[in-house]
Amino acid sequence: MKLLRNFRVILPTRKELVEDLKRIFNQKFKPTTGFEGIVQGIFIDDNGNIYANGDFRRKTDMHPGGY
């Protein structure tokens, strides 16, 4: 795998991201007054190793079941 060094990443705006999630993945959104979101990070390194981490703020079990 060739690593690209001198390139610019253009990130979508919040509105574009929400619209893509609705259109492509049929994601449903609802208004909320509190924190209801969670975050998962997944990273694949140059050797193909996969690293993942769940949002520590989540109050429910963070370990995958059945895998």
Protein backbone atom coordinates (compact mmCIF):
# COMPACT_ATOMS: atom_id res chain seq x y z
CA MET A 1 0.00 0.00 0.00
CA LYS A 2 1.40 3.39 -0.98
CA LEU A 3 0.99 6.12 1.59
CA LEU A 4 0.05 9.51 0.17
CA ARG A 5 1.73 12.36 1.99
CA ASN A 6 0.90 15.67 0.31
CA PHE A 7 -2.84 15.74 -0.14
CA ARG A 8 -5.71 17.74 1.25
CA VAL A 9 -8.73 16.12 2.85
CA ILE A 10 -12.01 17.95 2.36
CA LEU A 11 -14.45 17.05 5.11
CA PRO A 12 -18.21 17.35 4.64
CA THR A 13 -20.18 19.93 6.57
CA ARG A 14 -22.50 18.77 9.34
CA LYS A 15 -25.50 19.34 7.07
CA GLU A 16 -23.92 17.35 4.20
CA LEU A 17 -23.05 14.49 6.56
CA VAL A 18 -26.60 14.33 7.95
CA GLU A 19 -28.09 14.39 4.45
CA ASP A 20 -25.76 11.59 3.30
CA LEU A 21 -26.65 9.47 6.33
CA LYS A 22 -30.36 9.94 5.57
CA ARG A 23 -30.08 9.35 1.83
CA ILE A 24 -27.47 6.58 1.61
CA PHE A 25 -28.06 4.67 4.86
CA ASN A 26 -31.71 5.55 5.60
CA GLN A 27 -30.61 6.90 8.99
CA LYS A 28 -33.41 8.39 11.10
CA PHE A 29 -32.88 11.49 13.24
CA LYS A 30 -35.00 13.01 15.99
CA PRO A 31 -34.69 16.28 17.90
CA THR A 32 -33.14 15.90 21.34
CA THR A 33 -32.38 18.16 24.27
CA GLY A 34 -29.63 16.03 25.79
CA PHE A 35 -26.65 13.89 24.93
CA GLU A 36 -27.83 10.79 23.11
CA GLY A 37 -24.98 10.24 20.69
CA ILE A 38 -22.14 7.78 20.88
CA VAL A 39 -18.94 7.47 18.91
CA GLN A 40 -17.02 4.46 17.65
CA GLY A 41 -13.58 4.84 16.14
CA ILE A 42 -12.18 2.27 13.71
CA PHE A 43 -8.67 2.45 12.27
CA ILE A 44 -6.93 0.09 9.84
CA ASP A 45 -3.14 0.49 9.78
CA ASP A 46 -0.78 -0.06 6.85
CA ASN A 47 -0.37 -3.75 7.80
CA GLY A 48 -4.12 -4.38 7.79
CA ASN A 49 -4.45 -4.50 11.59
CA ILE A 50 -7.84 -3.25 12.75
CA TYR A 51 -8.18 -1.15 15.90
CA ALA A 52 -11.54 -0.09 17.32
CA ASN A 53 -12.73 1.77 20.39
CA GLY A 54 -16.14 2.64 21.77
CA ASP A 55 -17.32 5.84 23.41
CA PHE A 56 -16.47 5.65 27.13
CA ARG A 57 -19.46 7.92 27.92
CA ARG A 58 -21.95 5.24 26.93
CA LYS A 59 -23.73 3.74 29.94
CA THR A 60 -24.43 0.31 28.42
CA ASP A 61 -22.16 -2.66 27.64
CA MET A 62 -19.37 -1.76 25.24
CA HIS A 63 -18.14 -5.27 24.41
CA PRO A 64 -19.29 -6.94 21.19
CA GLY A 65 -21.54 -9.93 21.72
CA GLY A 66 -21.44 -13.03 19.57
CA TYR A 67 -18.25 -12.26 17.68
